[in-house]
Each structure stands twice: as structure tokens, then as C-alpha cells.
Amino acid sequence: MELIDIIQNSLKGLNIWSIVDILVVTYIFYKTYSIIKETRAMQLLKGVLLIILLIPLSDIFHLTMLNWILQRTITIGVLSMVIIFQPEIRRALERIGRSAFKEGHILQDKDTVDKILKEVITSVKNLAESKTGALIIIEQATGLEDIISTGTRVDAIVSAAVLENIFVVNTPLHDGATIIRNGRIVAAGCFLPLTSNNDINKKLGTRHRAGIGISENSDALVIIVSEETGNISLAINGRLTRNYTPKKLKDILMNIIINRYSKKITYWEKVKGWRKRQKEK
């Protein structure tokens, strides 16, 4: 009966805002889990949960020294969590920013995207056949100005000939990444952050690790051509998929770019439209 009374008393205190509160918190926990799963942070989180569980257990069994150590660990835990989870926190905030605000380096015209991707895929196909290593980044919502500044400004139209010439072996710009922004090649020979993920295939070289690294820290589309095998790979959101054919690669890139940014009117555009209508009244 006591349990039933507790449940009834709890339900009496519920209102619409309590339900909204529960749903929001649940969504936040779900999104947090989806961001950190299959990352190093997941293992660290398990360690934190173990410490939290051990504190009451050490108190129950009168393990004074262990309890004292765990209590002090929790005291500095907040600062430690921020430091340990810094990459995941940054990635989460970037995802929130990308979903909440519409930025300007996005190609939405299907014909323009098709024309640019045709040139990119042609160059990738030729580079793969000649086993010439390449790393091509298509910038999306997350700005890559800090990465662009590490390379050489190019500002050229996207063409297969230009891309193939950039990656010719022993030329000044071949050993680095080429970045495409808003339909133009903006920079080449750029340095990228390497992934810190130790679970990826040990056979992957620096080029692939760099491609995965930039995809972990942005929503860029990263095309990688292996110098050893000529295999074509694609890195998105920290995940690498390999052995693409040129046609399959183009279809996937087209779907990602068009479908992601050619959706119905965004929330902020709705707000602007509402404000405009209010002013006209």
C-alpha cells in the first residue's frame, strides 16, 4: 500500500510542465548518449558511474578510507569531466549550432551541386586509377577557416584538371588537404588534426587518420584516395567507409548535400516570416 500511496502522491503533483520537463531531460540524456557512444568518452563515463555507485556502498560497509577518497574525487569531478570530455563537449555544441542556425557556405541548387560533384568525382576516379593519394574536403555548415589558414589560398573553380594537378606527387601542394567551399577550391596543402581514436584499422595511414580527424570536429564531407591501393573512402562524422566506386560516391554526396540543406523552410526562416507579417499588419 505504501508504494501505491507514493505513486498516487507523485501523480497528483504532475502537470503539463512537469511532463515537458521530463521529456526534455530524457531527450538531453538520449542525445548525450548518442554523441558519446562508440567513443573513448563512453568508457570514461562507465568509470564515473562506477565511482558514484561505490560511494554509498563504501559508506554502508564502513570502508572509511575508500569513502574519503571517492568523496574527494567527486569534489573535483566537475572540472575533471570538462577537461576529459572536452572533444565530445565541443562536438556536441557544434552539432547544436549546426542544427539551430543556417550558415552561408551551403550549396542548395541541385544543378550547381551536380556540376561540381561531376568534376570532383572525375578527378577522384583518375587519381584512384593512377594510385595518387588525395584528400578533398567539402565544407558544409561548420566553418573551416582555421584549417584553411594552414594551407595555401587558391580560390579557383572546381575542375578535375585543377584537382588532379594539385595532388601530383612532389608538387608543393600535394601533401595536404584541398578544401572546397561554396563551389570553389579555396585552399590546398592544408594541415588537418589527426584522429585520436585508437580503435580504427591500424593499416590506415596518416591521410586517412587526418580525414577522420577533421570529420570528427566538423560536418565536412571528406573524400580520401589511398596512395597504396587507389581505394576511395569517405569520412563523415568520425566514421570512415571504404571501397567506393565513383558513381556510388557521387550518389551519396549528392543525397547528403541536397537532402540535408534543401529541406522545408527552417525554424528561423519561419520566425523571420512571422515577424515580417506582424510588421505588415
Protein backbone atom coordinates (compact mmCIF):
# COMPACT_ATOMS: atom_id res chain seq x y z
CA MET A 1 0.00 0.00 0.00
CA GLU A 2 2.83 2.40 0.75
CA LEU A 3 4.18 2.06 -2.76
CA ILE A 4 0.74 2.77 -4.22
CA ASP A 5 0.38 5.84 -1.99
CA ILE A 6 3.79 7.14 -3.11
CA ILE A 7 2.85 6.70 -6.78
CA GLN A 8 -0.52 8.41 -6.27
CA ASN A 9 1.07 11.36 -4.45
CA SER A 10 3.65 11.68 -7.22
CA LEU A 11 0.97 11.69 -9.91
CA LYS A 12 -1.01 14.37 -8.07
CA GLY A 13 1.93 16.73 -8.37
CA LEU A 14 2.26 16.21 -12.13
CA ASN A 15 1.16 18.88 -14.58
CA ILE A 16 1.85 19.65 -18.23
CA TRP A 17 5.11 21.44 -17.42
CA SER A 18 6.34 18.51 -15.34
CA ILE A 19 5.77 16.22 -18.30
CA VAL A 20 7.56 18.66 -20.61
CA ASP A 21 10.43 18.84 -18.12
CA ILE A 22 10.75 15.04 -18.03
CA LEU A 23 10.65 14.79 -21.83
CA VAL A 24 13.30 17.50 -22.27
CA VAL A 25 15.65 15.88 -19.75
CA THR A 26 15.09 12.47 -21.37
CA TYR A 27 15.89 13.91 -24.79
CA ILE A 28 19.07 15.56 -23.49
CA PHE A 29 20.27 12.28 -21.96
CA TYR A 30 19.44 10.42 -25.19
CA LYS A 31 21.31 12.92 -27.37
CA THR A 32 24.28 12.90 -24.99
CA TYR A 33 24.41 9.12 -25.17
CA SER A 34 24.16 9.12 -28.97
CA ILE A 35 27.08 11.55 -29.18
CA ILE A 36 29.45 9.72 -26.82
CA LYS A 37 28.62 6.11 -27.69
CA GLU A 38 31.38 4.26 -29.51
CA THR A 39 33.90 6.88 -28.35
CA ARG A 40 36.52 6.96 -25.60
CA ALA A 41 34.10 9.06 -23.55
CA MET A 42 31.80 6.07 -23.15
CA GLN A 43 34.47 4.13 -21.27
CA LEU A 44 35.21 7.15 -19.09
CA LEU A 45 31.51 7.56 -18.34
CA LYS A 46 31.37 3.95 -17.15
CA GLY A 47 34.23 4.72 -14.79
CA VAL A 48 32.41 7.77 -13.40
CA LEU A 49 29.22 5.76 -12.85
CA LEU A 50 31.25 3.10 -11.03
CA ILE A 51 32.68 5.74 -8.67
CA ILE A 52 29.18 7.12 -7.99
CA LEU A 53 27.96 3.58 -7.20
CA LEU A 54 30.90 2.84 -4.91
CA ILE A 55 30.33 5.89 -2.68
CA PRO A 56 27.13 4.63 -0.97
CA LEU A 57 28.46 1.06 -0.92
CA SER A 58 31.66 2.15 0.84
CA ASP A 59 29.54 4.02 3.38
CA ILE A 60 27.28 1.01 4.01
CA PHE A 61 30.23 -1.34 4.60
CA HIS A 62 32.12 1.29 6.63
CA LEU A 63 35.08 1.48 4.24
CA THR A 64 36.17 4.82 5.63
CA MET A 65 39.35 5.36 3.64
CA LEU A 66 37.76 4.37 0.32
CA ASN A 67 34.76 6.57 1.03
CA TRP A 68 37.01 9.55 1.82
CA ILE A 69 38.97 9.10 -1.43
CA LEU A 70 35.81 8.77 -3.53
CA GLN A 71 34.23 11.83 -1.91
CA ARG A 72 37.32 13.92 -2.71
CA THR A 73 37.33 12.55 -6.25
CA ILE A 74 33.74 13.69 -6.79
CA THR A 75 34.59 17.12 -5.36
CA ILE A 76 36.97 17.84 -8.23
CA GLY A 77 34.97 15.72 -10.64
CA VAL A 78 33.19 18.56 -12.44
CA LEU A 79 36.42 20.22 -13.56
CA SER A 80 37.89 16.84 -14.46
CA MET A 81 34.84 15.96 -16.57
CA VAL A 82 35.14 19.20 -18.54
CA ILE A 83 38.80 18.52 -19.27
CA ILE A 84 38.35 14.82 -20.08
CA PHE A 85 35.26 15.26 -22.25
CA GLN A 86 36.45 18.45 -23.98
CA PRO A 87 36.39 16.96 -27.52
CA GLU A 88 32.90 15.50 -27.02
CA ILE A 89 31.58 18.73 -25.47
CA ARG A 90 32.95 20.73 -28.39
CA ARG A 91 31.43 18.30 -30.90
CA ALA A 92 28.05 18.42 -29.15
CA LEU A 93 27.98 22.23 -29.13
CA GLU A 94 28.93 22.32 -32.81
CA ARG A 95 26.08 19.93 -33.64
CA ILE A 96 23.63 22.08 -31.69
CA GLY A 97 24.87 25.16 -33.54
CA ARG A 98 24.58 23.47 -36.92
CA SER A 99 21.02 22.36 -36.27
CA ALA A 100 19.89 25.69 -34.82
CA PHE A 101 21.40 28.14 -37.29
CA LYS A 102 21.61 28.12 -41.03
CA GLU A 103 25.03 29.18 -42.30
CA GLY A 104 26.13 30.56 -45.62
CA HIS A 105 28.61 28.09 -47.14
CA ILE A 106 25.94 25.72 -48.36
CA LEU A 107 25.15 24.85 -51.97
CA GLN A 108 21.44 24.24 -52.38
CA ASP A 109 20.99 24.43 -56.15
CA LYS A 110 20.86 20.89 -57.48
CA ASP A 111 22.31 21.74 -60.90
CA THR A 112 25.28 23.55 -59.32
CA VAL A 113 25.93 20.70 -56.92
CA ASP A 114 25.73 18.17 -59.76
CA LYS A 115 28.20 20.15 -61.86
CA ILE A 116 30.71 20.49 -59.02
CA LEU A 117 30.43 16.87 -57.93
CA LYS A 118 30.91 15.73 -61.53
CA GLU A 119 34.30 17.48 -61.59
CA VAL A 120 35.25 16.17 -58.15
CA ILE A 121 34.29 12.58 -59.00
CA THR A 122 36.15 12.72 -62.32
CA SER A 123 39.32 13.81 -60.55
CA VAL A 124 38.86 11.19 -57.82
CA LYS A 125 38.39 8.47 -60.44
CA ASN A 126 41.57 9.47 -62.29
CA LEU A 127 43.57 9.82 -59.07
CA ALA A 128 42.40 6.39 -57.90
CA GLU A 129 43.35 4.76 -61.21
CA SER A 130 46.86 6.24 -61.03
CA LYS A 131 47.10 5.48 -57.28
CA THR A 132 47.76 9.11 -56.46
CA GLY A 133 46.94 9.94 -52.84
CA ALA A 134 44.38 12.68 -52.33
CA LEU A 135 42.39 14.33 -49.56
CA ILE A 136 39.45 16.50 -50.65
CA ILE A 137 37.18 18.25 -48.14
CA ILE A 138 33.77 19.71 -48.97
CA GLU A 139 32.90 22.29 -46.32
CA GLN A 140 29.34 22.39 -45.06
CA ALA A 141 27.81 24.27 -42.12
CA THR A 142 30.89 24.21 -39.87
CA GLY A 143 33.39 26.83 -40.99
CA LEU A 144 36.93 25.57 -41.64
CA GLU A 145 38.73 28.91 -41.72
CA ASP A 146 41.23 27.78 -39.08
CA ILE A 147 42.13 24.79 -41.29
CA ILE A 148 42.21 26.89 -44.46
CA SER A 149 44.70 29.27 -42.85
CA THR A 150 47.23 26.42 -42.51
CA GLY A 151 47.40 25.90 -46.28
CA THR A 152 47.80 27.98 -49.43
CA ARG A 153 44.90 30.09 -50.69
CA VAL A 154 43.85 29.05 -54.19
CA ASP A 155 40.37 30.46 -54.97
CA ALA A 156 39.86 28.52 -58.19
CA ILE A 157 36.86 26.98 -59.90
CA VAL A 158 36.25 23.33 -59.12
CA SER A 159 37.56 21.34 -62.06
CA ALA A 160 39.01 17.88 -62.43
CA ALA A 161 42.14 19.26 -64.07
CA VAL A 162 42.90 21.64 -61.19
CA LEU A 163 42.29 18.99 -58.52
CA GLU A 164 44.45 16.42 -60.30
CA ASN A 165 47.30 18.92 -60.71
CA ILE A 166 47.16 19.82 -57.01
CA PHE A 167 47.78 16.19 -56.00
CA VAL A 168 50.59 15.43 -58.46
CA VAL A 169 53.35 13.80 -56.41
CA ASN A 170 56.28 16.02 -55.34
CA THR A 171 54.43 19.26 -56.13
CA PRO A 172 54.23 21.87 -53.31
CA LEU A 173 50.54 21.33 -52.52
CA HIS A 174 50.08 17.58 -52.94
CA ASP A 175 50.87 16.60 -49.36
CA GLY A 176 47.84 18.06 -47.60
CA ALA A 177 44.10 18.60 -47.87
CA THR A 178 42.26 20.59 -50.52
CA ILE A 179 39.14 22.39 -49.29
CA ILE A 180 36.09 23.22 -51.38
CA ARG A 181 33.79 25.95 -50.09
CA ASN A 182 30.68 27.31 -51.74
CA GLY A 183 31.53 25.89 -55.15
CA ARG A 184 35.19 26.93 -55.28
CA ILE A 185 38.56 25.49 -54.32
CA VAL A 186 39.60 27.89 -51.56
CA ALA A 187 42.83 26.30 -50.31
CA ALA A 188 45.23 23.40 -50.79
CA GLY A 189 48.05 21.85 -48.80
CA CYS A 190 46.10 22.28 -45.55
CA PHE A 191 47.09 20.52 -42.34
CA LEU A 192 44.40 18.54 -40.52
CA PRO A 193 44.08 17.27 -36.94
CA LEU A 194 44.66 13.52 -36.67
CA THR A 195 42.01 11.39 -35.04
CA SER A 196 42.73 10.22 -31.52
CA ASN A 197 40.55 7.14 -31.98
CA ASN A 198 42.72 4.11 -31.31
CA ASP A 199 40.08 1.63 -32.48
CA ILE A 200 40.41 2.34 -36.21
CA ASN A 201 42.23 -0.04 -38.53
CA LYS A 202 45.98 0.03 -37.81
CA LYS A 203 46.67 -0.31 -41.54
CA LEU A 204 45.23 3.15 -42.23
CA GLY A 205 47.87 5.79 -42.82
CA THR A 206 48.18 9.45 -41.91
CA ARG A 207 45.96 10.61 -44.78
CA HIS A 208 43.02 8.51 -43.57
CA ARG A 209 43.59 9.45 -39.93
CA ALA A 210 43.62 13.12 -40.87
CA GLY A 211 40.40 12.70 -42.85
CA ILE A 212 38.68 11.04 -39.91
CA GLY A 213 40.06 13.71 -37.57
CA ILE A 214 38.53 16.66 -39.45
CA SER A 215 35.23 14.80 -39.82
CA GLU A 216 35.13 14.32 -36.03
CA ASN A 217 35.43 18.07 -35.46
CA SER A 218 33.09 19.27 -38.21
CA ASP A 219 30.30 18.18 -40.55
CA ALA A 220 32.62 18.29 -43.58
CA LEU A 221 32.47 15.61 -46.25
CA VAL A 222 35.95 14.14 -46.60
CA ILE A 223 37.00 12.16 -49.70
CA ILE A 224 40.20 10.14 -49.42
CA VAL A 225 42.11 8.34 -52.16
CA SER A 226 44.66 5.80 -50.96
CA GLU A 227 48.16 6.15 -52.38
CA GLU A 228 48.91 2.47 -51.77
CA THR A 229 45.77 0.82 -53.16
CA GLY A 230 43.87 3.53 -55.02
CA ASN A 231 40.77 2.77 -52.90
CA ILE A 232 38.26 5.58 -52.47
CA SER A 233 36.98 6.31 -48.94
CA LEU A 234 34.55 8.75 -47.37
CA ALA A 235 34.72 10.14 -43.81
CA ILE A 236 31.63 11.69 -42.23
CA ASN A 237 31.08 12.49 -38.54
CA GLY A 238 34.12 10.49 -37.47
CA ARG A 239 33.14 7.37 -39.43
CA LEU A 240 35.13 6.05 -42.36
CA THR A 241 33.58 3.93 -45.11
CA ARG A 242 35.77 2.47 -47.84
CA ASN A 243 35.89 0.91 -51.31
CA TYR A 244 33.57 3.32 -53.14
CA THR A 245 33.02 3.33 -56.87
CA PRO A 246 32.93 6.81 -58.45
CA LYS A 247 29.20 6.51 -59.20
CA LYS A 248 28.30 5.34 -55.69
CA LEU A 249 30.38 8.15 -54.18
CA LYS A 250 28.65 10.79 -56.30
CA ASP A 251 25.17 9.48 -55.46
CA ILE A 252 25.89 9.53 -51.73
CA LEU A 253 27.42 13.01 -51.77
CA MET A 254 24.53 14.36 -53.84
CA ASN A 255 21.97 12.89 -51.45
CA ILE A 256 23.75 14.26 -48.38
CA ILE A 257 24.20 17.79 -49.72
CA ILE A 258 20.80 18.18 -51.36
CA ASN A 259 18.64 16.36 -48.82
CA ARG A 260 20.30 17.90 -45.80
CA TYR A 261 20.10 21.52 -46.88
CA SER A 262 17.14 21.57 -49.24
CA LYS A 263 14.56 20.80 -46.59
CA LYS A 264 11.41 22.76 -45.98
CA ILE A 265 11.69 26.25 -44.52
CA THR A 266 13.79 26.32 -41.35
CA TYR A 267 12.64 27.37 -37.90
CA TRP A 268 14.49 30.67 -38.10
CA GLU A 269 13.02 31.45 -41.50
CA LYS A 270 9.58 30.83 -40.02
CA VAL A 271 10.35 33.29 -37.24
CA LYS A 272 11.52 35.91 -39.77
CA GLY A 273 8.39 35.34 -41.85
CA TRP A 274 6.19 35.75 -38.75
CA ARG A 275 7.94 38.98 -37.79
CA LYS A 276 7.56 40.32 -41.31
CA ARG A 277 3.84 39.57 -41.30
CA GLN A 278 3.48 41.27 -37.93
CA LYS A 279 5.12 44.43 -39.26
CA GLU A 280 2.87 44.47 -42.29
CA LYS A 281 -0.28 44.40 -40.13
